[in-house]
Amino acid sequence: MSLAIAVGVLAGDRPDPGAVTYHRKQFRLVNRLLAANDLPPHVEPETLPDFPYRGQLISFPYAWTPYLYRAVAFARHAPDQFCPAREGENPAKNKWVDRELYTFAESHLICHSDTQGYFVPIDFPFPLADNRKGGLVGRVLGSSQQALAELVRTAPLLGIPLEGRELSDEAARVIAKEPDEAHLYWIERKVWLSMFEAFRLSVEHGCAVVYG
């Protein structure tokens, strides 16, 4: 099983009518949750210009995501202690990930469902939970701006060079073409690039990031 990340789900030359109906319903639930938290609504664009996606992967195994989230948790709370996961270690069970989930509950990446759900390009400080019956799929709404900021903060731990908050085309190409196991953090870097590209495009073009 793999996690697919999409940007611009209502745009495109031939969007699937069933998918469009589904996403429009979810965006109504997104806006209900935003309104309940005194935030402006999200208007998902139905047309978008062509934009470059520099990531190699648009989906990856579910088992890869916890490796990046472990790095995010260290970047948030103990960057000087970050090191590769030990052989046999479950990265989802790391103490910093656990504290982020159950004590701090502030990370938009870690606290979001890692299999489905939405992030919108509206900047709010904490992830929003929707626990109502018939609520938003994934139950948590994230902010693309905050998710992007977490990725920027994590980049140095993974040896990813940024120019301010920007990733150069050359640096993106290096990560995208990196062979498996060629880097100590090869899994984290590949997931990082896929997510960075999605959230970058989300913020630049005003469209949601959708996990599915």
C-alpha atoms as a PDB file:
ATOM      1  CA  MET A   1       0.000   0.000   0.000  1.00  0.00           C
ATOM      2  CA  SER A   2       1.229   3.495  -0.791  1.00  0.00           C
ATOM      3  CA  LEU A   3       0.434   7.099   0.006  1.00  0.00           C
ATOM      4  CA  ALA A   4      -0.405   9.257  -3.002  1.00  0.00           C
ATOM      5  CA  ILE A   5      -0.110  13.037  -2.731  1.00  0.00           C
ATOM      6  CA  ALA A   6      -2.125  15.219  -5.105  1.00  0.00           C
ATOM      7  CA  VAL A   7      -2.236  18.971  -5.757  1.00  0.00           C
ATOM      8  CA  GLY A   8      -4.975  20.666  -7.774  1.00  0.00           C
ATOM      9  CA  VAL A   9      -7.576  17.906  -7.502  1.00  0.00           C
ATOM     10  CA  LEU A  10     -10.348  19.932  -9.196  1.00  0.00           C
ATOM     11  CA  ALA A  11      -8.161  21.178 -12.029  1.00  0.00           C
ATOM     12  CA  GLY A  12      -6.824  19.340 -15.054  1.00  0.00           C
ATOM     13  CA  ASP A  13      -7.893  18.595 -18.593  1.00  0.00           C
ATOM     14  CA  ARG A  14     -10.167  15.663 -17.808  1.00  0.00           C
ATOM     15  CA  PRO A  15     -10.935  15.454 -14.095  1.00  0.00           C
ATOM     16  CA  ASP A  16     -12.859  12.355 -13.072  1.00  0.00           C
ATOM     17  CA  PRO A  17     -16.506  13.394 -12.416  1.00  0.00           C
ATOM     18  CA  GLY A  18     -16.835  11.034  -9.454  1.00  0.00           C
ATOM     19  CA  ALA A  19     -13.636  12.334  -7.894  1.00  0.00           C
ATOM     20  CA  VAL A  20     -14.702  15.945  -8.459  1.00  0.00           C
ATOM     21  CA  THR A  21     -18.027  15.305  -6.685  1.00  0.00           C
ATOM     22  CA  TYR A  22     -16.211  13.650  -3.785  1.00  0.00           C
ATOM     23  CA  HIS A  23     -13.655  16.425  -3.377  1.00  0.00           C
ATOM     24  CA  ARG A  24     -16.271  19.180  -3.601  1.00  0.00           C
ATOM     25  CA  LYS A  25     -18.141  17.539  -0.726  1.00  0.00           C
ATOM     26  CA  GLN A  26     -14.918  17.336   1.279  1.00  0.00           C
ATOM     27  CA  PHE A  27     -14.116  20.988   0.594  1.00  0.00           C
ATOM     28  CA  ARG A  28     -17.515  21.925   2.017  1.00  0.00           C
ATOM     29  CA  LEU A  29     -16.506  20.053   5.179  1.00  0.00           C
ATOM     30  CA  VAL A  30     -13.123  21.796   5.101  1.00  0.00           C
ATOM     31  CA  ASN A  31     -14.863  25.164   5.064  1.00  0.00           C
ATOM     32  CA  ARG A  32     -17.248  24.147   7.820  1.00  0.00           C
ATOM     33  CA  LEU A  33     -14.231  23.334   9.986  1.00  0.00           C
ATOM     34  CA  LEU A  34     -12.443  26.556   9.035  1.00  0.00           C
ATOM     35  CA  ALA A  35     -15.536  28.622   9.864  1.00  0.00           C
ATOM     36  CA  ALA A  36     -15.860  26.894  13.230  1.00  0.00           C
ATOM     37  CA  ASN A  37     -12.341  28.110  13.993  1.00  0.00           C
ATOM     38  CA  ASP A  38     -12.939  31.689  12.774  1.00  0.00           C
ATOM     39  CA  LEU A  39     -10.777  31.199   9.696  1.00  0.00           C
ATOM     40  CA  PRO A  40     -11.484  32.279   6.111  1.00  0.00           C
ATOM     41  CA  PRO A  41     -12.849  29.735   3.630  1.00  0.00           C
ATOM     42  CA  HIS A  42     -10.716  27.893   1.124  1.00  0.00           C
ATOM     43  CA  VAL A  43     -11.728  28.214  -2.531  1.00  0.00           C
ATOM     44  CA  GLU A  44     -10.174  25.367  -4.484  1.00  0.00           C
ATOM     45  CA  PRO A  45      -9.180  26.476  -8.008  1.00  0.00           C
ATOM     46  CA  GLU A  46     -10.705  24.537 -10.884  1.00  0.00           C
ATOM     47  CA  THR A  47      -8.157  25.771 -13.402  1.00  0.00           C
ATOM     48  CA  LEU A  48      -4.415  26.001 -12.866  1.00  0.00           C
ATOM     49  CA  PRO A  49      -1.430  26.859 -15.040  1.00  0.00           C
ATOM     50  CA  ASP A  50       1.051  24.141 -15.874  1.00  0.00           C
ATOM     51  CA  PHE A  51       3.617  23.936 -13.101  1.00  0.00           C
ATOM     52  CA  PRO A  52       6.778  21.870 -12.690  1.00  0.00           C
ATOM     53  CA  TYR A  53       6.796  19.061 -10.160  1.00  0.00           C
ATOM     54  CA  ARG A  54      10.422  18.310  -9.329  1.00  0.00           C
ATOM     55  CA  GLY A  55       9.862  15.255  -7.142  1.00  0.00           C
ATOM     56  CA  GLN A  56      10.540  11.802  -8.510  1.00  0.00           C
ATOM     57  CA  LEU A  57       7.707  10.149  -6.607  1.00  0.00           C
ATOM     58  CA  ILE A  58       4.026  11.035  -6.432  1.00  0.00           C
ATOM     59  CA  SER A  59       3.425   8.064  -4.153  1.00  0.00           C
ATOM     60  CA  PHE A  60       5.534   5.955  -1.826  1.00  0.00           C
ATOM     61  CA  PRO A  61       5.030   3.124   0.678  1.00  0.00           C
ATOM     62  CA  TYR A  62       3.120   3.977   3.843  1.00  0.00           C
ATOM     63  CA  ALA A  63       6.079   2.549   5.771  1.00  0.00           C
ATOM     64  CA  TRP A  64       8.313   5.366   4.514  1.00  0.00           C
ATOM     65  CA  THR A  65       6.337   8.267   5.949  1.00  0.00           C
ATOM     66  CA  PRO A  66       7.207   7.617   9.632  1.00  0.00           C
ATOM     67  CA  TYR A  67      10.908   7.980   8.807  1.00  0.00           C
ATOM     68  CA  LEU A  68      10.349  11.563   7.701  1.00  0.00           C
ATOM     69  CA  TYR A  69       8.000  12.298  10.598  1.00  0.00           C
ATOM     70  CA  ARG A  70      10.656  11.042  13.010  1.00  0.00           C
ATOM     71  CA  ALA A  71      13.083  13.568  11.482  1.00  0.00           C
ATOM     72  CA  VAL A  72      10.431  16.299  11.740  1.00  0.00           C
ATOM     73  CA  ALA A  73       9.912  15.495  15.425  1.00  0.00           C
ATOM     74  CA  PHE A  74      13.650  15.721  16.117  1.00  0.00           C
ATOM     75  CA  ALA A  75      13.873  18.995  14.171  1.00  0.00           C
ATOM     76  CA  ARG A  76      11.094  20.435  16.323  1.00  0.00           C
ATOM     77  CA  HIS A  77      12.361  19.269  19.709  1.00  0.00           C
ATOM     78  CA  ALA A  78      15.884  17.804  19.698  1.00  0.00           C
ATOM     79  CA  PRO A  79      17.779  18.508  16.466  1.00  0.00           C
ATOM     80  CA  ASP A  80      21.178  17.914  18.109  1.00  0.00           C
ATOM     81  CA  GLN A  81      20.108  14.364  18.998  1.00  0.00           C
ATOM     82  CA  PHE A  82      19.046  13.331  15.490  1.00  0.00           C
ATOM     83  CA  CYS A  83      20.642  10.193  14.080  1.00  0.00           C
ATOM     84  CA  PRO A  84      19.587   7.362  11.765  1.00  0.00           C
ATOM     85  CA  ALA A  85      16.929   4.979  13.017  1.00  0.00           C
ATOM     86  CA  ARG A  86      18.509   1.848  14.418  1.00  0.00           C
ATOM     87  CA  GLU A  87      18.056  -1.447  12.623  1.00  0.00           C
ATOM     88  CA  GLY A  88      14.715  -2.888  13.676  1.00  0.00           C
ATOM     89  CA  GLU A  89      13.542   0.404  15.189  1.00  0.00           C
ATOM     90  CA  ASN A  90       9.980   1.453  14.425  1.00  0.00           C
ATOM     91  CA  PRO A  91      10.319   5.178  13.619  1.00  0.00           C
ATOM     92  CA  ALA A  92       6.645   5.756  14.433  1.00  0.00           C
ATOM     93  CA  LYS A  93       7.363   4.717  18.039  1.00  0.00           C
ATOM     94  CA  ASN A  94      10.128   7.255  18.625  1.00  0.00           C
ATOM     95  CA  LYS A  95       9.641   9.183  21.869  1.00  0.00           C
ATOM     96  CA  TRP A  96       9.644  12.572  20.116  1.00  0.00           C
ATOM     97  CA  VAL A  97       6.992  11.451  17.637  1.00  0.00           C
ATOM     98  CA  ASP A  98       4.950  10.103  20.540  1.00  0.00           C
ATOM     99  CA  ARG A  99       5.246  13.367  22.467  1.00  0.00           C
ATOM    100  CA  GLU A 100       4.258  15.359  19.399  1.00  0.00           C
ATOM    101  CA  LEU A 101       1.158  13.213  18.939  1.00  0.00           C
ATOM    102  CA  TYR A 102      -0.001  13.018  22.537  1.00  0.00           C
ATOM    103  CA  THR A 103       1.589  15.926  24.435  1.00  0.00           C
ATOM    104  CA  PHE A 104       2.331  18.866  22.129  1.00  0.00           C
ATOM    105  CA  ALA A 105      -0.098  18.115  19.251  1.00  0.00           C
ATOM    106  CA  GLU A 106       1.332  21.016  17.242  1.00  0.00           C
ATOM    107  CA  SER A 107       2.941  19.444  14.161  1.00  0.00           C
ATOM    108  CA  HIS A 108       0.743  19.698  11.082  1.00  0.00           C
ATOM    109  CA  LEU A 109       2.623  16.817   9.444  1.00  0.00           C
ATOM    110  CA  ILE A 110       2.846  14.412  12.362  1.00  0.00           C
ATOM    111  CA  CYS A 111      -0.644  15.002  13.754  1.00  0.00           C
ATOM    112  CA  HIS A 112      -2.335  14.655  10.361  1.00  0.00           C
ATOM    113  CA  SER A 113      -3.569  11.304   9.097  1.00  0.00           C
ATOM    114  CA  ASP A 114      -0.732   9.670   7.200  1.00  0.00           C
ATOM    115  CA  THR A 115      -3.100   7.912   4.781  1.00  0.00           C
ATOM    116  CA  GLN A 116      -5.808  10.409   3.788  1.00  0.00           C
ATOM    117  CA  GLY A 117      -7.012  13.959   4.256  1.00  0.00           C
ATOM    118  CA  TYR A 118      -6.433  17.599   3.327  1.00  0.00           C
ATOM    119  CA  PHE A 119      -4.071  20.519   3.843  1.00  0.00           C
ATOM    120  CA  VAL A 120      -5.159  23.975   2.682  1.00  0.00           C
ATOM    121  CA  PRO A 121      -3.058  27.078   1.886  1.00  0.00           C
ATOM    122  CA  ILE A 122      -4.308  29.042   4.896  1.00  0.00           C
ATOM    123  CA  ASP A 123      -1.861  29.807   7.692  1.00  0.00           C
ATOM    124  CA  PHE A 124      -3.155  28.725  11.104  1.00  0.00           C
ATOM    125  CA  PRO A 125      -0.922  27.713  14.004  1.00  0.00           C
ATOM    126  CA  PHE A 126      -2.247  24.302  15.047  1.00  0.00           C
ATOM    127  CA  PRO A 127      -3.798  21.397  13.129  1.00  0.00           C
ATOM    128  CA  LEU A 128      -7.596  21.412  13.289  1.00  0.00           C
ATOM    129  CA  ALA A 129      -9.468  18.300  14.418  1.00  0.00           C
ATOM    130  CA  ASP A 130     -12.922  17.441  13.073  1.00  0.00           C
ATOM    131  CA  ASN A 131     -14.516  14.911  15.395  1.00  0.00           C
ATOM    132  CA  ARG A 132     -18.105  15.439  14.313  1.00  0.00           C
ATOM    133  CA  LYS A 133     -20.099  12.577  12.817  1.00  0.00           C
ATOM    134  CA  GLY A 134     -19.794  12.736   9.062  1.00  0.00           C
ATOM    135  CA  GLY A 135     -16.759  14.981   9.387  1.00  0.00           C
ATOM    136  CA  LEU A 136     -13.793  15.539   7.140  1.00  0.00           C
ATOM    137  CA  VAL A 137     -11.985  12.464   5.869  1.00  0.00           C
ATOM    138  CA  GLY A 138      -8.814  11.914   7.888  1.00  0.00           C
ATOM    139  CA  ARG A 139     -10.335  13.923  10.759  1.00  0.00           C
ATOM    140  CA  VAL A 140      -7.510  16.506  10.815  1.00  0.00           C
ATOM    141  CA  LEU A 141      -7.027  19.550   8.583  1.00  0.00           C
ATOM    142  CA  GLY A 142      -3.520  20.875   8.134  1.00  0.00           C
ATOM    143  CA  SER A 143      -2.069  24.165   6.924  1.00  0.00           C
ATOM    144  CA  SER A 144       0.161  23.976   3.854  1.00  0.00           C
ATOM    145  CA  GLN A 145       2.187  26.955   5.110  1.00  0.00           C
ATOM    146  CA  GLN A 146       2.866  25.283   8.439  1.00  0.00           C
ATOM    147  CA  ALA A 147       3.686  21.921   6.831  1.00  0.00           C
ATOM    148  CA  LEU A 148       6.106  23.649   4.476  1.00  0.00           C
ATOM    149  CA  ALA A 149       7.763  25.439   7.399  1.00  0.00           C
ATOM    150  CA  GLU A 150       8.255  22.105   9.181  1.00  0.00           C
ATOM    151  CA  LEU A 151       9.921  20.660   6.090  1.00  0.00           C
ATOM    152  CA  VAL A 152      12.217  23.679   5.800  1.00  0.00           C
ATOM    153  CA  ARG A 153      13.181  23.250   9.456  1.00  0.00           C
ATOM    154  CA  THR A 154      13.928  19.547   8.893  1.00  0.00           C
ATOM    155  CA  ALA A 155      16.012  19.957   5.724  1.00  0.00           C
ATOM    156  CA  PRO A 156      19.405  20.531   7.476  1.00  0.00           C
ATOM    157  CA  LEU A 157      19.077  17.271   9.412  1.00  0.00           C
ATOM    158  CA  LEU A 158      18.782  15.394   6.112  1.00  0.00           C
ATOM    159  CA  GLY A 159      21.644  17.149   4.370  1.00  0.00           C
ATOM    160  CA  ILE A 160      19.295  19.083   2.062  1.00  0.00           C
ATOM    161  CA  PRO A 161      20.697  22.507   1.112  1.00  0.00           C
ATOM    162  CA  LEU A 162      18.194  25.339   0.991  1.00  0.00           C
ATOM    163  CA  GLU A 163      18.672  28.924  -0.087  1.00  0.00           C
ATOM    164  CA  GLY A 164      16.561  30.570   2.568  1.00  0.00           C
ATOM    165  CA  ARG A 165      13.331  28.616   2.142  1.00  0.00           C
ATOM    166  CA  GLU A 166      13.990  27.723  -1.509  1.00  0.00           C
ATOM    167  CA  LEU A 167      15.268  24.477  -2.998  1.00  0.00           C
ATOM    168  CA  SER A 168      17.294  24.872  -6.166  1.00  0.00           C
ATOM    169  CA  ASP A 169      16.475  22.848  -9.279  1.00  0.00           C
ATOM    170  CA  GLU A 170      19.871  21.194  -9.049  1.00  0.00           C
ATOM    171  CA  ALA A 171      19.375  20.127  -5.425  1.00  0.00           C
ATOM    172  CA  ALA A 172      15.929  18.755  -6.333  1.00  0.00           C
ATOM    173  CA  ARG A 173      17.432  16.776  -9.225  1.00  0.00           C
ATOM    174  CA  VAL A 174      20.095  15.281  -6.956  1.00  0.00           C
ATOM    175  CA  ILE A 175      17.513  13.971  -4.496  1.00  0.00           C
ATOM    176  CA  ALA A 176      15.082  12.823  -7.208  1.00  0.00           C
ATOM    177  CA  LYS A 177      17.788  10.793  -8.986  1.00  0.00           C
ATOM    178  CA  GLU A 178      19.451   9.486  -5.846  1.00  0.00           C
ATOM    179  CA  PRO A 179      19.616   5.657  -5.941  1.00  0.00           C
ATOM    180  CA  ASP A 180      18.021   3.780  -3.072  1.00  0.00           C
ATOM    181  CA  GLU A 181      20.380   3.431  -0.097  1.00  0.00           C
ATOM    182  CA  ALA A 182      22.845   5.921  -1.619  1.00  0.00           C
ATOM    183  CA  HIS A 183      22.410   8.268   1.325  1.00  0.00           C
ATOM    184  CA  LEU A 184      22.169   7.635   5.048  1.00  0.00           C
ATOM    185  CA  TYR A 185      18.711   9.262   4.993  1.00  0.00           C
ATOM    186  CA  TRP A 186      17.626   8.215   1.506  1.00  0.00           C
ATOM    187  CA  ILE A 187      14.042   7.355   2.526  1.00  0.00           C
ATOM    188  CA  GLU A 188      13.574  10.582   4.470  1.00  0.00           C
ATOM    189  CA  ARG A 189      14.997  12.640   1.583  1.00  0.00           C
ATOM    190  CA  LYS A 190      12.724  11.103  -1.060  1.00  0.00           C
ATOM    191  CA  VAL A 191       9.596  11.601   1.068  1.00  0.00           C
ATOM    192  CA  TRP A 192      10.770  15.100   2.001  1.00  0.00           C
ATOM    193  CA  LEU A 193      11.129  16.107  -1.647  1.00  0.00           C
ATOM    194  CA  SER A 194       7.694  14.778  -2.612  1.00  0.00           C
ATOM    195  CA  MET A 195       6.061  16.625   0.272  1.00  0.00           C
ATOM    196  CA  PHE A 196       8.105  19.798  -0.178  1.00  0.00           C
ATOM    197  CA  GLU A 197       7.071  20.031  -3.820  1.00  0.00           C
ATOM    198  CA  ALA A 198       3.408  19.438  -2.999  1.00  0.00           C
ATOM    199  CA  PHE A 199       3.272  22.054  -0.243  1.00  0.00           C
ATOM    200  CA  ARG A 200       5.340  24.535  -2.243  1.00  0.00           C
ATOM    201  CA  LEU A 201       2.898  24.300  -5.143  1.00  0.00           C
ATOM    202  CA  SER A 202      -0.058  24.452  -2.763  1.00  0.00           C
ATOM    203  CA  VAL A 203       1.110  27.754  -1.293  1.00  0.00           C
ATOM    204  CA  GLU A 204       2.148  29.234  -4.648  1.00  0.00           C
ATOM    205  CA  HIS A 205      -1.068  28.343  -6.481  1.00  0.00           C
ATOM    206  CA  GLY A 206      -3.649  28.431  -3.689  1.00  0.00           C
ATOM    207  CA  CYS A 207      -4.709  24.796  -3.984  1.00  0.00           C
ATOM    208  CA  ALA A 208      -5.048  22.039  -1.431  1.00  0.00           C
ATOM    209  CA  VAL A 209      -2.727  19.107  -0.844  1.00  0.00           C
ATOM    210  CA  VAL A 210      -4.687  15.867  -0.711  1.00  0.00           C
ATOM    211  CA  TYR A 211      -3.485  12.584   0.753  1.00  0.00           C
ATOM    212  CA  GLY A 212      -5.119   9.477  -0.607  1.00  0.00           C
END
